[in-house]
């Protein structure tokens, strides 16, 4: 009876290991795609920043440096997960998410 149980559980456990390794590979593929998309977003942000006028007279403008920092933070987290150097505690700081800058009004010309 124990031998029969072993013969039944062995294929089941091997199938479970195969599914888990496939899931890990699937996750790594998707996280690699996330990295590629972050590269694309970063290029688009650079283009948008270049296209924006440096001497804008608008009161609010987009905070490109903060967005770039957040993108780098996300990239660092994904890369740290895909290739961890060793087990370390998670960094508890959060993304800022607020990308509006309040530009002081220009002084009226005399």
PDB file of N, CA and C in Angstrom:
ATOM      1  N   UNK A   1       0.809  -1.200   0.000  1.00  0.00           N
ATOM      2  CA  UNK A   1       0.000   0.000   0.000  1.00  0.00           C
ATOM      3  C   UNK A   1       0.854   1.268   0.000  1.00  0.00           C
ATOM      4  N   UNK A   2       1.904   1.392   0.879  1.00  0.00           N
ATOM      5  CA  UNK A   2       2.735   2.601   0.839  1.00  0.00           C
ATOM      6  C   UNK A   2       3.417   2.788  -0.515  1.00  0.00           C
ATOM      7  N   UNK A   3       3.809   1.714  -1.154  1.00  0.00           N
ATOM      8  CA  UNK A   3       4.460   1.825  -2.456  1.00  0.00           C
ATOM      9  C   UNK A   3       3.472   2.362  -3.487  1.00  0.00           C
ATOM     10  N   UNK A   4       2.234   1.921  -3.446  1.00  0.00           N
ATOM     11  CA  UNK A   4       1.215   2.400  -4.369  1.00  0.00           C
ATOM     12  C   UNK A   4       0.945   3.886  -4.150  1.00  0.00           C
ATOM     13  N   UNK A   5       0.872   4.280  -2.891  1.00  0.00           N
ATOM     14  CA  UNK A   5       0.676   5.688  -2.574  1.00  0.00           C
ATOM     15  C   UNK A   5       1.836   6.527  -3.110  1.00  0.00           C
ATOM     16  N   UNK A   6       3.054   6.010  -2.942  1.00  0.00           N
ATOM     17  CA  UNK A   6       4.242   6.707  -3.441  1.00  0.00           C
ATOM     18  C   UNK A   6       4.172   6.874  -4.954  1.00  0.00           C
ATOM     19  N   UNK A   7       3.767   5.801  -5.646  1.00  0.00           N
ATOM     20  CA  UNK A   7       3.683   5.854  -7.113  1.00  0.00           C
ATOM     21  C   UNK A   7       2.595   6.818  -7.586  1.00  0.00           C
ATOM     22  N   UNK A   8       1.582   7.041  -6.781  1.00  0.00           N
ATOM     23  CA  UNK A   8       0.527   7.986  -7.142  1.00  0.00           C
ATOM     24  C   UNK A   8       0.940   9.424  -6.849  1.00  0.00           C
ATOM     25  N   UNK A   9       1.643   9.614  -5.743  1.00  0.00           N
ATOM     26  CA  UNK A   9       2.027  10.968  -5.343  1.00  0.00           C
ATOM     27  C   UNK A   9       3.237  11.493  -6.106  1.00  0.00           C
ATOM     28  N   UNK A  10       4.112  10.620  -6.546  1.00  0.00           N
ATOM     29  CA  UNK A  10       5.304  11.061  -7.270  1.00  0.00           C
ATOM     30  C   UNK A  10       4.944  11.830  -8.547  1.00  0.00           C
ATOM     31  N   UNK A  11       4.099  11.310  -9.435  1.00  0.00           N
ATOM     32  CA  UNK A  11       3.751  12.101 -10.633  1.00  0.00           C
ATOM     33  C   UNK A  11       3.048  13.407 -10.289  1.00  0.00           C
ATOM     34  N   UNK A  12       2.205  13.377  -9.251  1.00  0.00           N
ATOM     35  CA  UNK A  12       1.511  14.589  -8.840  1.00  0.00           C
ATOM     36  C   UNK A  12       2.499  15.650  -8.362  1.00  0.00           C
ATOM     37  N   UNK A  13       3.483  15.234  -7.562  1.00  0.00           N
ATOM     38  CA  UNK A  13       4.473  16.201  -7.068  1.00  0.00           C
ATOM     39  C   UNK A  13       5.359  16.712  -8.199  1.00  0.00           C
ATOM     40  N   UNK A  14       5.704  15.857  -9.151  1.00  0.00           N
ATOM     41  CA  UNK A  14       6.504  16.303 -10.294  1.00  0.00           C
ATOM     42  C   UNK A  14       5.715  17.287 -11.155  1.00  0.00           C
ATOM     43  N   UNK A  15       4.434  17.059 -11.313  1.00  0.00           N
ATOM     44  CA  UNK A  15       3.596  17.994 -12.070  1.00  0.00           C
ATOM     45  C   UNK A  15       3.521  19.336 -11.358  1.00  0.00           C
ATOM     46  N   UNK A  16       3.435  19.315 -10.043  1.00  0.00           N
ATOM     47  CA  UNK A  16       3.382  20.550  -9.257  1.00  0.00           C
ATOM     48  C   UNK A  16       4.677  21.342  -9.413  1.00  0.00           C
ATOM     49  N   UNK A  17       5.817  20.666  -9.369  1.00  0.00           N
ATOM     50  CA  UNK A  17       7.113  21.337  -9.551  1.00  0.00           C
ATOM     51  C   UNK A  17       7.192  21.943 -10.943  1.00  0.00           C
ATOM     52  N   UNK A  18       6.716  21.222 -11.948  1.00  0.00           N
ATOM     53  CA  UNK A  18       6.746  21.732 -13.320  1.00  0.00           C
ATOM     54  C   UNK A  18       5.869  22.976 -13.456  1.00  0.00           C
ATOM     55  N   UNK A  19       4.679  22.957 -12.869  1.00  0.00           N
ATOM     56  CA  UNK A  19       3.772  24.107 -12.932  1.00  0.00           C
ATOM     57  C   UNK A  19       4.401  25.301 -12.240  1.00  0.00           C
ATOM     58  N   UNK A  20       5.019  25.073 -11.075  1.00  0.00           N
ATOM     59  CA  UNK A  20       5.653  26.180 -10.353  1.00  0.00           C
ATOM     60  C   UNK A  20       6.820  26.761 -11.136  1.00  0.00           C
ATOM     61  N   UNK A  21       7.628  25.928 -11.781  1.00  0.00           N
ATOM     62  CA  UNK A  21       8.753  26.465 -12.543  1.00  0.00           C
ATOM     63  C   UNK A  21       8.250  27.211 -13.769  1.00  0.00           C
ATOM     64  N   UNK A  22       7.155  26.724 -14.367  1.00  0.00           N
ATOM     65  CA  UNK A  22       6.567  27.426 -15.517  1.00  0.00           C
ATOM     66  C   UNK A  22       6.013  28.780 -15.073  1.00  0.00           C
ATOM     67  N   UNK A  23       5.373  28.822 -13.907  1.00  0.00           N
ATOM     68  CA  UNK A  23       4.819  30.083 -13.396  1.00  0.00           C
ATOM     69  C   UNK A  23       5.938  31.082 -13.134  1.00  0.00           C
ATOM     70  N   UNK A  24       7.066  30.618 -12.588  1.00  0.00           N
ATOM     71  CA  UNK A  24       8.188  31.515 -12.319  1.00  0.00           C
ATOM     72  C   UNK A  24       8.765  32.060 -13.620  1.00  0.00           C
ATOM     73  N   UNK A  25       8.895  31.211 -14.628  1.00  0.00           N
ATOM     74  CA  UNK A  25       9.395  31.661 -15.927  1.00  0.00           C
ATOM     75  C   UNK A  25       8.424  32.656 -16.550  1.00  0.00           C
ATOM     76  N   UNK A  26       7.134  32.365 -16.454  1.00  0.00           N
ATOM     77  CA  UNK A  26       6.097  33.243 -16.979  1.00  0.00           C
ATOM     78  C   UNK A  26       6.173  34.613 -16.296  1.00  0.00           C
ATOM     79  N   UNK A  27       6.358  34.618 -14.980  1.00  0.00           N
ATOM     80  CA  UNK A  27       6.460  35.877 -14.231  1.00  0.00           C
ATOM     81  C   UNK A  27       7.695  36.653 -14.661  1.00  0.00           C
ATOM     82  N   UNK A  28       8.826  35.972 -14.817  1.00  0.00           N
ATOM     83  CA  UNK A  28      10.056  36.650 -15.233  1.00  0.00           C
ATOM     84  C   UNK A  28       9.903  37.262 -16.622  1.00  0.00           C
ATOM     85  N   UNK A  29       9.225  36.551 -17.511  1.00  0.00           N
ATOM     86  CA  UNK A  29       8.992  37.089 -18.855  1.00  0.00           C
ATOM     87  C   UNK A  29       8.153  38.364 -18.784  1.00  0.00           C
ATOM     88  N   UNK A  30       7.125  38.338 -17.959  1.00  0.00           N
ATOM     89  CA  UNK A  30       6.264  39.520 -17.844  1.00  0.00           C
ATOM     90  C   UNK A  30       6.998  40.682 -17.177  1.00  0.00           C
ATOM     91  N   UNK A  31       7.807  40.400 -16.190  1.00  0.00           N
ATOM     92  CA  UNK A  31       8.557  41.478 -15.544  1.00  0.00           C
ATOM     93  C   UNK A  31       9.619  42.040 -16.491  1.00  0.00           C
ATOM     94  N   UNK A  32      10.170  41.213 -17.355  1.00  0.00           N
ATOM     95  CA  UNK A  32      11.098  41.712 -18.379  1.00  0.00           C
ATOM     96  C   UNK A  32      10.365  42.633 -19.344  1.00  0.00           C
ATOM     97  N   UNK A  33       9.111  42.274 -19.671  1.00  0.00           N
ATOM     98  CA  UNK A  33       8.307  43.159 -20.516  1.00  0.00           C
ATOM     99  C   UNK A  33       8.019  44.483 -19.807  1.00  0.00           C
ATOM    100  N   UNK A  34       7.798  44.432 -18.501  1.00  0.00           N
ATOM    101  CA  UNK A  34       7.590  45.663 -17.736  1.00  0.00           C
ATOM    102  C   UNK A  34       8.823  46.549 -17.843  1.00  0.00           C
ATOM    103  N   UNK A  35      10.009  45.957 -17.737  1.00  0.00           N
ATOM    104  CA  UNK A  35      11.253  46.737 -17.877  1.00  0.00           C
ATOM    105  C   UNK A  35      11.332  47.392 -19.251  1.00  0.00           C
ATOM    106  N   UNK A  36      10.970  46.658 -20.288  1.00  0.00           N
ATOM    107  CA  UNK A  36      10.993  47.227 -21.640  1.00  0.00           C
ATOM    108  C   UNK A  36       9.995  48.375 -21.759  1.00  0.00           C
ATOM    109  N   UNK A  37       8.832  48.207 -21.160  1.00  0.00           N
ATOM    110  CA  UNK A  37       7.835  49.277 -21.212  1.00  0.00           C
ATOM    111  C   UNK A  37       8.289  50.491 -20.424  1.00  0.00           C
ATOM    112  N   UNK A  38       9.002  50.282 -19.323  1.00  0.00           N
ATOM    113  CA  UNK A  38       9.553  51.413 -18.573  1.00  0.00           C
ATOM    114  C   UNK A  38      10.568  52.172 -19.420  1.00  0.00           C
ATOM    115  N   UNK A  39      11.370  51.442 -20.210  1.00  0.00           N
ATOM    116  CA  UNK A  39      12.312  52.101 -21.127  1.00  0.00           C
ATOM    117  C   UNK A  39      11.555  52.977 -22.126  1.00  0.00           C
ATOM    118  N   UNK A  40      10.474  52.436 -22.669  1.00  0.00           N
ATOM    119  CA  UNK A  40       9.667  53.189 -23.637  1.00  0.00           C
ATOM    120  C   UNK A  40       9.060  54.425 -22.983  1.00  0.00           C
ATOM    121  N   UNK A  41       8.514  54.261 -21.788  1.00  0.00           N
ATOM    122  CA  UNK A  41       7.917  55.400 -21.076  1.00  0.00           C
ATOM    123  C   UNK A  41       8.967  56.453 -20.801  1.00  0.00           C
ATOM    124  N   UNK A  42      10.155  56.016 -20.403  1.00  0.00           N
ATOM    125  CA  UNK A  42      11.224  56.975 -20.106  1.00  0.00           C
ATOM    126  C   UNK A  42      11.616  57.772 -21.356  1.00  0.00           C
ATOM    127  N   UNK A  43      11.665  57.101 -22.505  1.00  0.00           N
ATOM    128  CA  UNK A  43      11.970  57.813 -23.756  1.00  0.00           C
ATOM    129  C   UNK A  43      10.873  58.823 -24.081  1.00  0.00           C
ATOM    130  N   UNK A  44       9.609  58.431 -23.882  1.00  0.00           N
ATOM    131  CA  UNK A  44       8.500  59.345 -24.145  1.00  0.00           C
ATOM    132  C   UNK A  44       8.533  60.542 -23.202  1.00  0.00           C
ATOM    133  N   UNK A  45       8.888  60.314 -21.954  1.00  0.00           N
ATOM    134  CA  UNK A  45       8.991  61.416 -20.990  1.00  0.00           C
ATOM    135  C   UNK A  45      10.096  62.367 -21.411  1.00  0.00           C
ATOM    136  N   UNK A  46      11.215  61.829 -21.871  1.00  0.00           N
ATOM    137  CA  UNK A  46      12.326  62.673 -22.329  1.00  0.00           C
ATOM    138  C   UNK A  46      11.896  63.523 -23.524  1.00  0.00           C
ATOM    139  N   UNK A  47      11.168  62.910 -24.456  1.00  0.00           N
ATOM    140  CA  UNK A  47      10.678  63.666 -25.619  1.00  0.00           C
ATOM    141  C   UNK A  47       9.699  64.759 -25.196  1.00  0.00           C
ATOM    142  N   UNK A  48       8.801  64.419 -24.293  1.00  0.00           N
ATOM    143  CA  UNK A  48       7.808  65.403 -23.841  1.00  0.00           C
ATOM    144  C   UNK A  48       8.496  66.551 -23.115  1.00  0.00           C
ATOM    145  N   UNK A  49       9.506  66.224 -22.316  1.00  0.00           N
ATOM    146  CA  UNK A  49      10.242  67.268 -21.586  1.00  0.00           C
ATOM    147  C   UNK A  49      10.953  68.185 -22.567  1.00  0.00           C
ATOM    148  N   UNK A  50      11.547  67.614 -23.591  1.00  0.00           N
ATOM    149  CA  UNK A  50      12.240  68.405 -24.610  1.00  0.00           C
ATOM    150  C   UNK A  50      11.261  69.282 -25.376  1.00  0.00           C
ATOM    151  N   UNK A  51      10.074  68.741 -25.631  1.00  0.00           N
ATOM    152  CA  UNK A  51       9.077  69.487 -26.399  1.00  0.00           C
ATOM    153  C   UNK A  51       8.432  70.602 -25.590  1.00  0.00           C
ATOM    154  N   UNK A  52       8.435  70.477 -24.265  1.00  0.00           N
ATOM    155  CA  UNK A  52       7.820  71.527 -23.450  1.00  0.00           C
ATOM    156  C   UNK A  52       8.702  72.769 -23.480  1.00  0.00           C
ATOM    157  N   UNK A  53       8.085  73.904 -23.381  1.00  0.00           N
ATOM    158  CA  UNK A  53       8.843  75.152 -23.430  1.00  0.00           C
ATOM    159  C   UNK A  53       9.548  75.385 -22.101  1.00  0.00           C
ATOM    160  N   UNK A  54      10.792  75.752 -22.159  1.00  0.00           N
ATOM    161  CA  UNK A  54      11.575  75.988 -20.954  1.00  0.00           C
ATOM    162  C   UNK A  54      11.112  77.238 -20.220  1.00  0.00           C
ATOM    163  N   UNK A  55      10.658  78.220 -20.957  1.00  0.00           N
ATOM    164  CA  UNK A  55      10.231  79.483 -20.352  1.00  0.00           C
ATOM    165  C   UNK A  55       8.708  79.569 -20.366  1.00  0.00           C
ATOM    166  N   UNK A  56       8.086  78.596 -19.791  1.00  0.00           N
ATOM    167  CA  UNK A  56       6.627  78.544 -19.776  1.00  0.00           C
ATOM    168  C   UNK A  56       6.075  79.637 -18.874  1.00  0.00           C
ATOM    169  N   UNK A  57       5.005  80.267 -19.325  1.00  0.00           N
ATOM    170  CA  UNK A  57       4.370  81.316 -18.533  1.00  0.00           C
ATOM    171  C   UNK A  57       3.171  80.769 -17.761  1.00  0.00           C
ATOM    172  N   UNK A  58       2.911  79.483 -17.882  1.00  0.00           N
ATOM    173  CA  UNK A  58       1.793  78.875 -17.181  1.00  0.00           C
ATOM    174  C   UNK A  58       2.111  78.732 -15.698  1.00  0.00           C
ATOM    175  N   UNK A  59       1.055  78.775 -14.904  1.00  0.00           N
ATOM    176  CA  UNK A  59       1.245  78.672 -13.461  1.00  0.00           C
ATOM    177  C   UNK A  59       1.681  77.268 -13.051  1.00  0.00           C
ATOM    178  N   UNK A  60       1.123  76.267 -13.697  1.00  0.00           N
ATOM    179  CA  UNK A  60       1.473  74.886 -13.381  1.00  0.00           C
ATOM    180  C   UNK A  60       2.202  74.259 -14.555  1.00  0.00           C
ATOM    181  N   UNK A  61       3.147  73.427 -14.230  1.00  0.00           N
ATOM    182  CA  UNK A  61       3.842  72.673 -15.271  1.00  0.00           C
ATOM    183  C   UNK A  61       4.103  71.272 -14.749  1.00  0.00           C
ATOM    184  N   UNK A  62       4.394  70.364 -15.633  1.00  0.00           N
ATOM    185  CA  UNK A  62       4.580  68.968 -15.268  1.00  0.00           C
ATOM    186  C   UNK A  62       5.954  68.776 -14.646  1.00  0.00           C
ATOM    187  N   UNK A  63       6.013  67.999 -13.574  1.00  0.00           N
ATOM    188  CA  UNK A  63       7.263  67.750 -12.856  1.00  0.00           C
ATOM    189  C   UNK A  63       7.951  66.514 -13.455  1.00  0.00           C
ATOM    190  N   UNK A  64       8.693  66.717 -14.537  1.00  0.00           N
ATOM    191  CA  UNK A  64       9.371  65.619 -15.222  1.00  0.00           C
ATOM    192  C   UNK A  64      10.448  64.955 -14.364  1.00  0.00           C
ATOM    193  N   UNK A  65      11.241  65.703 -13.609  1.00  0.00           N
ATOM    194  CA  UNK A  65      12.256  65.034 -12.780  1.00  0.00           C
ATOM    195  C   UNK A  65      11.636  64.073 -11.755  1.00  0.00           C
ATOM    196  N   UNK A  66      10.528  64.449 -11.166  1.00  0.00           N
ATOM    197  CA  UNK A  66       9.886  63.571 -10.184  1.00  0.00           C
ATOM    198  C   UNK A  66       9.357  62.307 -10.849  1.00  0.00           C
ATOM    199  N   UNK A  67       8.766  62.450 -12.035  1.00  0.00           N
ATOM    200  CA  UNK A  67       8.277  61.283 -12.764  1.00  0.00           C
ATOM    201  C   UNK A  67       9.444  60.359 -13.119  1.00  0.00           C
ATOM    202  N   UNK A  68      10.547  60.936 -13.560  1.00  0.00           N
ATOM    203  CA  UNK A  68      11.722  60.143 -13.906  1.00  0.00           C
ATOM    204  C   UNK A  68      12.248  59.392 -12.687  1.00  0.00           C
ATOM    205  N   UNK A  69      12.263  60.042 -11.536  1.00  0.00           N
ATOM    206  CA  UNK A  69      12.693  59.368 -10.304  1.00  0.00           C
ATOM    207  C   UNK A  69      11.776  58.194  -9.970  1.00  0.00           C
ATOM    208  N   UNK A  70      10.476  58.376 -10.133  1.00  0.00           N
ATOM    209  CA  UNK A  70       9.531  57.299  -9.845  1.00  0.00           C
ATOM    210  C   UNK A  70       9.716  56.131 -10.816  1.00  0.00           C
ATOM    211  N   UNK A  71       9.960  56.426 -12.079  1.00  0.00           N
ATOM    212  CA  UNK A  71      10.206  55.368 -13.058  1.00  0.00           C
ATOM    213  C   UNK A  71      11.455  54.585 -12.674  1.00  0.00           C
ATOM    214  N   UNK A  72      12.501  55.310 -12.278  1.00  0.00           N
ATOM    215  CA  UNK A  72      13.733  54.639 -11.854  1.00  0.00           C
ATOM    216  C   UNK A  72      13.497  53.776 -10.613  1.00  0.00           C
ATOM    217  N   UNK A  73      12.675  54.265  -9.717  1.00  0.00           N
ATOM    218  CA  UNK A  73      12.358  53.513  -8.497  1.00  0.00           C
ATOM    219  C   UNK A  73      11.627  52.212  -8.833  1.00  0.00           C
ATOM    220  N   UNK A  74      10.670  52.288  -9.754  1.00  0.00           N
ATOM    221  CA  UNK A  74       9.953  51.087 -10.182  1.00  0.00           C
ATOM    222  C   UNK A  74      10.919  50.122 -10.862  1.00  0.00           C
ATOM    223  N   UNK A  75      11.763  50.644 -11.752  1.00  0.00           N
ATOM    224  CA  UNK A  75      12.744  49.806 -12.447  1.00  0.00           C
ATOM    225  C   UNK A  75      13.666  49.107 -11.450  1.00  0.00           C
ATOM    226  N   UNK A  76      14.123  49.862 -10.464  1.00  0.00           N
ATOM    227  CA  UNK A  76      15.019  49.299  -9.452  1.00  0.00           C
ATOM    228  C   UNK A  76      14.326  48.166  -8.688  1.00  0.00           C
ATOM    229  N   UNK A  77      13.044  48.345  -8.373  1.00  0.00           N
ATOM    230  CA  UNK A  77      12.303  47.302  -7.666  1.00  0.00           C
ATOM    231  C   UNK A  77      12.144  46.045  -8.501  1.00  0.00           C
ATOM    232  N   UNK A  78      11.843  46.201  -9.787  1.00  0.00           N
ATOM    233  CA  UNK A  78      11.684  45.044 -10.666  1.00  0.00           C
ATOM    234  C   UNK A  78      13.023  44.330 -10.825  1.00  0.00           C
ATOM    235  N   UNK A  79      14.087  45.089 -11.066  1.00  0.00           N
ATOM    236  CA  UNK A  79      15.402  44.476 -11.230  1.00  0.00           C
ATOM    237  C   UNK A  79      15.868  43.795  -9.943  1.00  0.00           C
ATOM    238  N   UNK A  80      15.553  44.414  -8.813  1.00  0.00           N
ATOM    239  CA  UNK A  80      15.915  43.811  -7.533  1.00  0.00           C
ATOM    240  C   UNK A  80      15.187  42.504  -7.290  1.00  0.00           C
ATOM    241  N   UNK A  81      13.963  42.400  -7.794  1.00  0.00           N
ATOM    242  CA  UNK A  81      13.211  41.162  -7.646  1.00  0.00           C
ATOM    243  C   UNK A  81      13.738  40.095  -8.600  1.00  0.00           C
ATOM    244  N   UNK A  82      14.042  40.497  -9.844  1.00  0.00           N
ATOM    245  CA  UNK A  82      14.499  39.523 -10.829  1.00  0.00           C
ATOM    246  C   UNK A  82      15.887  38.984 -10.527  1.00  0.00           C
ATOM    247  N   UNK A  83      16.733  39.806  -9.955  1.00  0.00           N
ATOM    248  CA  UNK A  83      18.089  39.347  -9.631  1.00  0.00           C
ATOM    249  C   UNK A  83      18.502  39.898  -8.265  1.00  0.00           C
ATOM    250  N   UNK A  84      17.945  39.339  -7.196  1.00  0.00           N
ATOM    251  CA  UNK A  84      18.268  39.842  -5.861  1.00  0.00           C
ATOM    252  C   UNK A  84      19.706  39.503  -5.478  1.00  0.00           C
ATOM    253  N   UNK A  85      20.363  40.447  -4.819  1.00  0.00           N
ATOM    254  CA  UNK A  85      21.724  40.183  -4.359  1.00  0.00           C
ATOM    255  C   UNK A  85      21.694  39.306  -3.111  1.00  0.00           C
ATOM    256  N   UNK A  86      20.723  39.535  -2.267  1.00  0.00           N
ATOM    257  CA  UNK A  86      20.475  38.714  -1.077  1.00  0.00           C
ATOM    258  C   UNK A  86      19.166  39.193  -0.464  1.00  0.00           C
ATOM    259  N   UNK A  87      18.677  38.438   0.465  1.00  0.00           N
ATOM    260  CA  UNK A  87      17.409  38.815   1.099  1.00  0.00           C
ATOM    261  C   UNK A  87      17.614  40.068   1.931  1.00  0.00           C
ATOM    262  N   UNK A  88      16.828  41.094   1.640  1.00  0.00           N
ATOM    263  CA  UNK A  88      16.914  42.355   2.358  1.00  0.00           C
ATOM    264  C   UNK A  88      15.512  42.832   2.679  1.00  0.00           C
ATOM    265  N   UNK A  89      15.381  43.648   3.715  1.00  0.00           N
ATOM    266  CA  UNK A  89      14.052  44.190   4.007  1.00  0.00           C
ATOM    267  C   UNK A  89      13.590  45.115   2.888  1.00  0.00           C
ATOM    268  N   UNK A  90      12.301  45.175   2.698  1.00  0.00           N
ATOM    269  CA  UNK A  90      11.708  46.003   1.658  1.00  0.00           C
ATOM    270  C   UNK A  90      11.809  47.476   2.032  1.00  0.00           C
ATOM    271  N   UNK A  91      12.066  48.311   1.034  1.00  0.00           N
ATOM    272  CA  UNK A  91      12.126  49.756   1.225  1.00  0.00           C
ATOM    273  C   UNK A  91      10.698  50.279   1.370  1.00  0.00           C
ATOM    274  N   UNK A  92      10.345  50.868   2.516  1.00  0.00           N
ATOM    275  CA  UNK A  92       8.951  51.246   2.749  1.00  0.00           C
ATOM    276  C   UNK A  92       8.503  52.553   2.100  1.00  0.00           C
ATOM    277  N   UNK A  93       9.395  53.317   1.485  1.00  0.00           N
ATOM    278  CA  UNK A  93       8.969  54.596   0.925  1.00  0.00           C
ATOM    279  C   UNK A  93       8.071  54.370  -0.290  1.00  0.00           C
ATOM    280  N   UNK A  94       7.203  55.317  -0.530  1.00  0.00           N
ATOM    281  CA  UNK A  94       6.200  55.195  -1.577  1.00  0.00           C
ATOM    282  C   UNK A  94       6.489  56.162  -2.711  1.00  0.00           C
ATOM    283  N   UNK A  95       5.848  55.898  -3.851  1.00  0.00           N
ATOM    284  CA  UNK A  95       5.935  56.827  -4.969  1.00  0.00           C
ATOM    285  C   UNK A  95       5.193  58.099  -4.601  1.00  0.00           C
ATOM    286  N   UNK A  96       5.659  59.198  -5.129  1.00  0.00           N
ATOM    287  CA  UNK A  96       5.043  60.470  -4.811  1.00  0.00           C
ATOM    288  C   UNK A  96       3.726  60.622  -5.547  1.00  0.00           C
ATOM    289  N   UNK A  97       3.734  60.464  -6.854  1.00  0.00           N
ATOM    290  CA  UNK A  97       2.519  60.483  -7.644  1.00  0.00           C
ATOM    291  C   UNK A  97       1.962  61.861  -7.961  1.00  0.00           C
ATOM    292  N   UNK A  98       2.464  62.922  -7.379  1.00  0.00           N
ATOM    293  CA  UNK A  98       1.960  64.275  -7.644  1.00  0.00           C
ATOM    294  C   UNK A  98       2.965  64.966  -8.553  1.00  0.00           C
ATOM    295  N   UNK A  99       2.572  65.240  -9.794  1.00  0.00           N
ATOM    296  CA  UNK A  99       3.507  65.763 -10.770  1.00  0.00           C
ATOM    297  C   UNK A  99       3.213  67.189 -11.214  1.00  0.00           C
ATOM    298  N   UNK A 100       2.469  67.932 -10.430  1.00  0.00           N
ATOM    299  CA  UNK A 100       2.208  69.337 -10.748  1.00  0.00           C
ATOM    300  C   UNK A 100       3.159  70.220  -9.961  1.00  0.00           C
ATOM    301  N   UNK A 101       3.770  71.148 -10.632  1.00  0.00           N
ATOM    302  CA  UNK A 101       4.625  72.125  -9.971  1.00  0.00           C
ATOM    303  C   UNK A 101       3.920  73.465 -10.007  1.00  0.00           C
ATOM    304  N   UNK A 102       3.917  74.171  -8.902  1.00  0.00           N
ATOM    305  CA  UNK A 102       3.311  75.494  -8.849  1.00  0.00           C
ATOM    306  C   UNK A 102       4.391  76.507  -9.200  1.00  0.00           C
ATOM    307  N   UNK A 103       4.256  77.138 -10.354  1.00  0.00           N
ATOM    308  CA  UNK A 103       5.228  78.127 -10.811  1.00  0.00           C
ATOM    309  C   UNK A 103       4.807  79.487 -10.271  1.00  0.00           C
ATOM    310  N   UNK A 104       5.727  80.194  -9.593  1.00  0.00           N
ATOM    311  CA  UNK A 104       5.351  81.511  -9.076  1.00  0.00           C
ATOM    312  C   UNK A 104       4.981  82.439 -10.226  1.00  0.00           C
ATOM    313  N   UNK A 105       3.993  83.301  -9.988  1.00  0.00           N
ATOM    314  CA  UNK A 105       3.588  84.216 -11.071  1.00  0.00           C
ATOM    315  C   UNK A 105       4.720  85.164 -11.438  1.00  0.00           C
ATOM    316  N   UNK A 106       4.775  85.470 -12.708  1.00  0.00           N
ATOM    317  CA  UNK A 106       5.805  86.388 -13.193  1.00  0.00           C
ATOM    318  C   UNK A 106       5.463  87.810 -12.724  1.00  0.00           C
ATOM    319  N   UNK A 107       6.497  88.587 -12.447  1.00  0.00           N
ATOM    320  CA  UNK A 107       6.273  89.964 -12.009  1.00  0.00           C
ATOM    321  C   UNK A 107       5.759  90.780 -13.198  1.00  0.00           C
ATOM    322  N   UNK A 108       4.759  91.601 -12.973  1.00  0.00           N
ATOM    323  CA  UNK A 108       4.233  92.405 -14.101  1.00  0.00           C
ATOM    324  C   UNK A 108       5.306  93.388 -14.590  1.00  0.00           C
ATOM    325  N   UNK A 109       5.346  93.550 -15.867  1.00  0.00           N
ATOM    326  CA  UNK A 109       6.322  94.498 -16.423  1.00  0.00           C
ATOM    327  C   UNK A 109       5.777  95.907 -16.311  1.00  0.00           C
ATOM    328  N   UNK A 110       6.647  96.894 -16.013  1.00  0.00           N
ATOM    329  CA  UNK A 110       6.197  98.287 -15.820  1.00  0.00           C
ATOM    330  C   UNK A 110       5.740  98.959 -17.061  1.00  0.00           C
TER     331      UNK A 110
END
